[in-house]
């Protein structure tokens, strides 16, 4: 029996986290992506330069938080390469045992959403069932990074999955043993305080660097109003899109909202409206990504600073 029966794909905001959440919920653990994010200390922003690719990286620790979460609550997991073995047979055997089979694959072969075909990246999905005779696999993807994130659950060509998987050396993440219930419950009871502490650190900074909001304003300003070199501008705008959608800028906000909605209903509605304003801003600047337009770019940057200021006032109500 595979996991396909009675499995539900819930919306997440980072691919590996979504895979974990959906499997844990299938196994009757009450958990959300924001629980994983804050228990795993995912909210620390990173600002650095990738010298090899000559691009700037602005990111949270949302990916690393998955592994910290597992270790903290007692999930025994393995991450290994299945390269050189019969991939389809292995996946079939694992899913028949109702194991959580999470693979990393090249997005160029994930044909169920056109967003993946715009350029190669690497993405985690859950394999729920293998139909060898039909040449297909049933997959669950809890985070498709469209402007408004969405999910996918359904069949996809086995050949596409294998080709995409091979480009990551057949990397697979799987759970060996499940967490201790009491330990998980204790950590989940602490998540709200973890979230509040992370917001405090985000706003005030760590005492060594500028607060994260000011660093984000500097980063966005250097792109929107800092250059009129069209080639450099297009490259930086492409990087900004990836940094904000894939690296946690929006995910952090969604995770805060999730925690607010459990205990702060009035404030959560205010913050949800704030997020909608951020989404509208992001959709607007994506229209500017190909051609630098001095006046429109200036207005977009001013809007970024304004939204940053308003959001900080809302978040300060948590402290």
Foldseek 3Di string as FASTA:
>chain_A
DFLPPPFDQAAAQAWVLSLVVRLVVSVVDDDGSLLLCLLLVFLDWDWDADPVVGAIATFTNSVSSNVSSCVQQPWAKDKDFPAPDDVLVVLQVCRVVHWWKKAKFWLCLVPPDCVSVPDTDIGIKTWTHHDVVVQKTWIWTNFDLDLPTDIDTGIDGNVSRVNRCVVVNNIIMTTDDDGDNVSSVVSSVCSLVSLLVSLVCQQCPDVPDHRVLVVVLVLLCCQLAVDQPQVVNLVNLVSVSCNCRHRCVLSSLVSNLVSCVVPPVVLSVVSVVLSVLVSVLNVVVVVVNRHRDNVVSVVSSVSSNVSSVVNNVSSVVSD
